Amino acid sequence: MATALPGILDKKSFVVITGVGRGLGRSIASKLVEKLPPSSFYVFLSPDHTGQESLAGNLSTSHPGVRIRTETFDQGKMDQQIFDNLFVDILKNDNLEPEEFDQVIIVHNSAIVGDVSKHTWDLTEVTSLVHLFDVNIVGMILLNAAFLKVFTEVTNRLIVNVTSGNAIRPYKTMSTYCAAKAARDMFFRVLSSEDPSIRVITYSPGHVDTDMLTYVRDNTADKELADKIKGLHRPFTYMFIHRPFTCMFYRLVVYEPGVMMEMVNQNPKEII
């Protein structure tokens, strides 16, 4: 059984969040800055420079003294030096040492949905397919490994994998996104089995009103899917964008090392 792990929200933390430029990523970043100690250090990674700079500015105003480093980062750009040097350079430039942190956290939120105007038999373009899997899988794996390599001596390491119902259910015109989400979930199951000292939470927030969902609604070639998403706009059907991660956040205090926690729509399931 999971047991209480006191102090997880009290630890001085080095926090990395991807996809901070918009949507759920902004909510995650805001909630972590609000709840973790003011001595923590945050790294925002997003290709949307304007969006994350705006968020960093707002958080600096509402939380004076907060330390935030923003990096314009394209997770789909396959450049070995970028992944090898990213965290090394951040620590060096900000005069930080890994051992000064009680805890390190990385939130893998960044993902792209791909071309939903096509069915599986129309997916013939090499460049777009490779880019989707580079962003959603390959780049995430490289970033995760770079993070763990730099903080290998830190005892408390937490990985949050933001997933989706697409990982377990087929949605027409979303085959590549579904495949990528399923692959990410299995990747972290393997990681958790390889090193049980690393806490892994795979979390599906359910229906959230984001630009991505709007894009799917407006561009999918499947009318049934479009109508289903339109139906979510009924009152009280969507969650507000800040609520899903708020619900998950308070589950962080209930954890047993060696157990991977999977949470779908705020309902935790322990995967041994």
Protein backbone atom coordinates (compact mmCIF):
# COMPACT_ATOMS: atom_id res chain seq x y z
CA MET A 1 0.00 0.00 0.00
CA ALA A 2 1.04 3.59 -0.54
CA THR A 3 2.14 5.39 2.58
CA ALA A 4 2.47 9.02 3.52
CA LEU A 5 5.73 10.62 2.55
CA PRO A 6 5.95 13.75 4.69
CA GLY A 7 7.84 16.78 3.49
CA ILE A 8 7.68 16.29 -0.27
CA LEU A 9 6.20 19.77 -0.65
CA ASP A 10 8.72 21.22 1.79
CA LYS A 11 11.90 20.22 -0.04
CA LYS A 12 14.11 22.73 -1.84
CA SER A 13 13.65 21.55 -5.41
CA PHE A 14 15.14 21.89 -8.86
CA VAL A 15 12.10 21.75 -11.13
CA VAL A 16 11.98 21.30 -14.91
CA ILE A 17 8.68 21.70 -16.76
CA THR A 18 8.26 21.28 -20.51
CA GLY A 19 5.54 22.84 -22.63
CA VAL A 20 5.12 25.84 -20.35
CA GLY A 21 4.18 28.26 -23.11
CA ARG A 22 0.46 27.52 -22.99
CA GLY A 23 -2.36 25.38 -21.65
CA LEU A 24 -1.80 22.77 -18.98
CA GLY A 25 1.92 23.52 -18.76
CA ARG A 26 1.20 27.03 -17.48
CA SER A 27 -1.12 25.60 -14.82
CA ILE A 28 1.47 23.07 -13.70
CA ALA A 29 4.20 25.69 -13.45
CA SER A 30 2.01 28.12 -11.53
CA LYS A 31 0.91 25.50 -9.02
CA LEU A 32 4.44 24.26 -8.37
CA VAL A 33 5.74 27.79 -7.80
CA GLU A 34 2.86 28.37 -5.41
CA LYS A 35 3.36 25.22 -3.35
CA LEU A 36 7.10 24.46 -3.28
CA PRO A 37 9.57 26.34 -1.05
CA PRO A 38 10.70 29.79 -2.28
CA SER A 39 14.29 28.51 -2.34
CA SER A 40 13.43 26.20 -5.24
CA PHE A 41 14.70 26.79 -8.78
CA TYR A 42 12.55 26.42 -11.90
CA VAL A 43 13.45 25.73 -15.50
CA PHE A 44 10.75 26.40 -18.09
CA LEU A 45 11.29 24.71 -21.45
CA SER A 46 9.13 25.55 -24.44
CA PRO A 47 9.41 26.49 -28.11
CA ASP A 48 6.91 29.25 -27.28
CA HIS A 49 9.33 31.87 -25.97
CA THR A 50 6.74 34.61 -25.63
CA GLY A 51 4.29 32.47 -23.69
CA GLN A 52 6.74 31.21 -21.10
CA GLU A 53 8.40 34.60 -20.67
CA SER A 54 4.98 36.10 -19.96
CA LEU A 55 4.28 33.41 -17.38
CA ALA A 56 7.70 33.85 -15.75
CA GLY A 57 7.07 37.58 -15.49
CA ASN A 58 3.67 37.06 -13.89
CA LEU A 59 5.05 34.56 -11.39
CA SER A 60 7.95 36.85 -10.51
CA THR A 61 5.42 39.56 -9.68
CA SER A 62 3.14 37.32 -7.62
CA HIS A 63 6.02 35.47 -5.93
CA PRO A 64 8.86 37.98 -5.38
CA GLY A 65 12.26 36.34 -5.30
CA VAL A 66 11.25 33.23 -7.22
CA ARG A 67 14.09 31.91 -9.37
CA ILE A 68 13.02 30.97 -12.89
CA ARG A 69 15.18 30.19 -15.90
CA THR A 70 13.38 30.15 -19.26
CA GLU A 71 14.90 28.35 -22.22
CA THR A 72 13.53 28.35 -25.76
CA PHE A 73 13.66 24.61 -26.36
CA ASP A 74 12.41 22.52 -29.27
CA GLN A 75 12.14 18.96 -27.99
CA GLY A 76 11.98 17.71 -31.57
CA LYS A 77 15.31 19.18 -32.61
CA MET A 78 17.69 16.26 -32.67
CA ASP A 79 20.94 17.96 -31.68
CA GLN A 80 23.13 15.86 -29.39
CA GLN A 81 24.95 18.87 -27.96
CA ILE A 82 21.71 20.54 -26.89
CA PHE A 83 20.65 17.55 -24.82
CA ASP A 84 24.16 16.91 -23.47
CA ASN A 85 24.73 20.50 -22.36
CA LEU A 86 21.32 21.88 -21.44
CA PHE A 87 21.29 21.18 -17.69
CA VAL A 88 25.05 21.40 -17.30
CA ASP A 89 24.98 24.93 -18.73
CA ILE A 90 21.98 26.00 -16.65
CA LEU A 91 23.66 24.91 -13.43
CA LYS A 92 26.91 26.60 -14.42
CA ASN A 93 25.33 29.87 -15.57
CA ASP A 94 23.23 30.18 -12.43
CA ASN A 95 26.03 29.11 -10.06
CA LEU A 96 24.11 26.07 -8.85
CA GLU A 97 25.27 22.67 -7.65
CA PRO A 98 23.09 19.54 -7.88
CA GLU A 99 23.74 18.63 -4.26
CA GLU A 100 22.28 21.88 -2.94
CA PHE A 101 18.80 20.61 -3.80
CA ASP A 102 16.87 18.19 -1.61
CA GLN A 103 14.73 17.08 -4.51
CA VAL A 104 14.64 17.26 -8.31
CA ILE A 105 11.47 17.12 -10.39
CA ILE A 106 10.89 16.92 -14.12
CA VAL A 107 7.41 17.25 -15.60
CA HIS A 108 7.11 15.87 -19.12
CA ASN A 109 4.18 17.84 -20.47
CA SER A 110 5.35 18.83 -23.95
CA ALA A 111 3.71 17.00 -26.88
CA ILE A 112 2.21 17.64 -30.30
CA VAL A 113 -0.96 16.02 -31.62
CA GLY A 114 -0.03 15.73 -35.29
CA ASP A 115 -2.20 15.94 -38.40
CA VAL A 116 -5.73 14.90 -37.43
CA SER A 117 -7.12 15.68 -40.88
CA LYS A 118 -5.90 12.28 -42.08
CA HIS A 119 -6.77 8.67 -41.35
CA THR A 120 -4.07 6.05 -40.83
CA TRP A 121 -3.96 5.10 -44.52
CA ASP A 122 -3.22 8.71 -45.48
CA LEU A 123 -0.09 9.03 -43.33
CA THR A 124 2.47 9.02 -46.14
CA GLU A 125 4.64 12.05 -45.36
CA VAL A 126 7.98 11.09 -43.84
CA THR A 127 8.96 14.48 -42.40
CA SER A 128 5.80 15.12 -40.37
CA LEU A 129 5.72 11.60 -38.94
CA VAL A 130 9.37 11.67 -37.91
CA HIS A 131 8.90 15.10 -36.31
CA LEU A 132 5.93 13.94 -34.25
CA PHE A 133 7.78 10.97 -32.81
CA ASP A 134 10.92 13.06 -32.30
CA VAL A 135 8.96 15.54 -30.17
CA ASN A 136 6.72 13.10 -28.34
CA ILE A 137 9.12 10.22 -27.73
CA VAL A 138 12.75 10.57 -28.81
CA GLY A 139 13.28 14.09 -27.52
CA MET A 140 11.49 13.30 -24.27
CA ILE A 141 13.69 10.25 -23.69
CA LEU A 142 16.87 12.24 -24.39
CA LEU A 143 15.79 15.11 -22.13
CA ASN A 144 14.86 12.70 -19.35
CA ALA A 145 18.20 10.92 -19.55
CA ALA A 146 20.11 14.22 -19.56
CA PHE A 147 18.20 15.30 -16.46
CA LEU A 148 18.85 12.07 -14.54
CA LYS A 149 22.52 12.05 -15.54
CA VAL A 150 23.13 15.49 -14.06
CA PHE A 151 21.22 14.71 -10.85
CA THR A 152 22.35 11.13 -10.36
CA GLU A 153 23.56 11.85 -6.79
CA VAL A 154 20.32 13.48 -5.64
CA THR A 155 18.35 11.03 -3.51
CA ASN A 156 14.85 12.35 -4.15
CA ARG A 157 14.02 12.29 -7.85
CA LEU A 158 10.47 12.64 -9.16
CA ILE A 159 9.27 12.26 -12.75
CA VAL A 160 5.77 13.31 -13.77
CA ASN A 161 4.64 11.94 -17.13
CA VAL A 162 1.57 13.84 -18.32
CA THR A 163 -0.34 11.31 -20.37
CA SER A 164 -3.82 10.99 -21.86
CA GLY A 165 -6.68 8.60 -22.40
CA ASN A 166 -5.30 8.34 -25.93
CA ALA A 167 -2.65 5.99 -24.54
CA ILE A 168 -5.22 3.30 -23.84
CA ARG A 169 -8.16 4.10 -26.15
CA PRO A 170 -8.12 4.44 -29.96
CA TYR A 171 -9.33 7.78 -31.32
CA LYS A 172 -9.89 8.01 -35.05
CA THR A 173 -7.47 10.33 -36.90
CA MET A 174 -5.23 10.44 -33.79
CA SER A 175 -3.31 7.19 -34.37
CA THR A 176 0.18 8.68 -34.11
CA TYR A 177 -0.64 10.68 -30.98
CA CYS A 178 -2.23 7.60 -29.38
CA ALA A 179 0.82 5.49 -30.30
CA ALA A 180 3.21 8.09 -28.88
CA LYS A 181 1.32 8.39 -25.59
CA ALA A 182 1.21 4.60 -25.19
CA ALA A 183 4.94 4.38 -25.90
CA ARG A 184 5.73 7.07 -23.29
CA ASP A 185 3.68 5.28 -20.64
CA MET A 186 5.50 2.00 -21.24
CA PHE A 187 8.86 3.76 -21.28
CA PHE A 188 8.26 5.06 -17.78
CA ARG A 189 7.00 1.70 -16.56
CA VAL A 190 10.32 0.23 -17.63
CA LEU A 191 12.27 3.09 -16.04
CA SER A 192 10.42 2.57 -12.77
CA SER A 193 11.24 -1.14 -12.81
CA GLU A 194 14.90 -0.47 -13.57
CA ASP A 195 15.37 2.01 -10.72
CA PRO A 196 12.63 1.88 -8.06
CA SER A 197 14.29 4.75 -6.17
CA ILE A 198 13.03 7.15 -8.86
CA ARG A 199 9.46 8.17 -8.17
CA VAL A 200 7.36 8.07 -11.35
CA ILE A 201 3.84 9.40 -11.65
CA THR A 202 1.99 8.94 -14.93
CA TYR A 203 -1.02 11.21 -14.87
CA SER A 204 -3.97 11.65 -17.23
CA PRO A 205 -5.89 14.84 -16.43
CA GLY A 206 -8.99 13.96 -18.43
CA HIS A 207 -10.80 16.51 -20.59
CA VAL A 208 -9.11 19.89 -20.30
CA ASP A 209 -10.01 22.98 -22.31
CA THR A 210 -6.76 23.61 -24.17
CA ASP A 211 -5.72 24.84 -27.61
CA MET A 212 -4.80 21.26 -28.51
CA LEU A 213 -8.32 19.97 -27.92
CA THR A 214 -9.76 22.88 -29.86
CA TYR A 215 -7.41 22.12 -32.74
CA VAL A 216 -8.55 18.49 -32.83
CA ARG A 217 -12.20 19.53 -32.73
CA ASP A 218 -11.79 21.94 -35.63
CA ASN A 219 -9.52 19.82 -37.83
CA THR A 220 -10.29 16.13 -37.31
CA ALA A 221 -11.52 14.21 -40.32
CA ASP A 222 -13.79 12.18 -38.05
CA LYS A 223 -17.16 13.88 -37.50
CA GLU A 224 -17.98 11.64 -34.54
CA LEU A 225 -14.86 12.77 -32.69
CA ALA A 226 -15.50 16.41 -33.52
CA ASP A 227 -19.07 16.16 -32.23
CA LYS A 228 -17.90 14.46 -29.04
CA ILE A 229 -15.46 17.28 -28.32
CA LYS A 230 -18.12 19.88 -29.10
CA GLY A 231 -20.34 18.15 -26.56
CA LEU A 232 -17.72 18.73 -23.90
CA HIS A 233 -18.44 22.45 -24.11
CA ARG A 234 -21.69 21.90 -22.27
CA PRO A 235 -21.69 23.59 -18.83
CA PHE A 236 -19.80 21.67 -16.12
CA THR A 237 -18.38 19.16 -18.62
CA TYR A 238 -14.88 20.59 -19.05
CA MET A 239 -12.57 20.95 -16.13
CA PHE A 240 -11.08 24.39 -15.70
CA ILE A 241 -7.53 24.29 -16.91
CA HIS A 242 -6.01 24.67 -13.43
CA ARG A 243 -8.01 21.94 -11.72
CA PRO A 244 -6.52 18.69 -13.12
CA PHE A 245 -3.01 19.33 -11.86
CA THR A 246 -4.34 20.71 -8.58
CA CYS A 247 -6.04 17.36 -7.99
CA MET A 248 -2.89 15.46 -8.88
CA PHE A 249 -0.62 17.70 -6.88
CA TYR A 250 -2.03 16.69 -3.53
CA ARG A 251 -1.52 13.02 -4.39
CA LEU A 252 2.22 13.61 -4.38
CA VAL A 253 2.30 13.27 -0.59
CA VAL A 254 1.05 9.68 -0.85
CA TYR A 255 3.76 7.57 -2.33
CA GLU A 256 5.78 4.47 -1.71
CA PRO A 257 9.22 4.26 -3.36
CA GLY A 258 9.33 1.37 -5.78
CA VAL A 259 5.72 1.79 -6.85
CA MET A 260 4.82 3.49 -10.09
CA MET A 261 1.64 5.50 -9.67
CA GLU A 262 -0.69 5.82 -12.62
CA MET A 263 -3.56 8.26 -12.29
CA VAL A 264 -6.41 8.62 -14.74
CA ASN A 265 -8.99 11.36 -14.20
CA GLN A 266 -7.81 11.82 -10.63
CA ASN A 267 -8.20 8.14 -9.73
CA PRO A 268 -4.83 6.64 -8.71
CA LYS A 269 -3.89 3.08 -9.53
CA GLU A 270 -0.76 1.50 -8.19
CA ILE A 271 1.21 -0.47 -10.77
CA ILE A 272 3.56 -2.91 -9.10
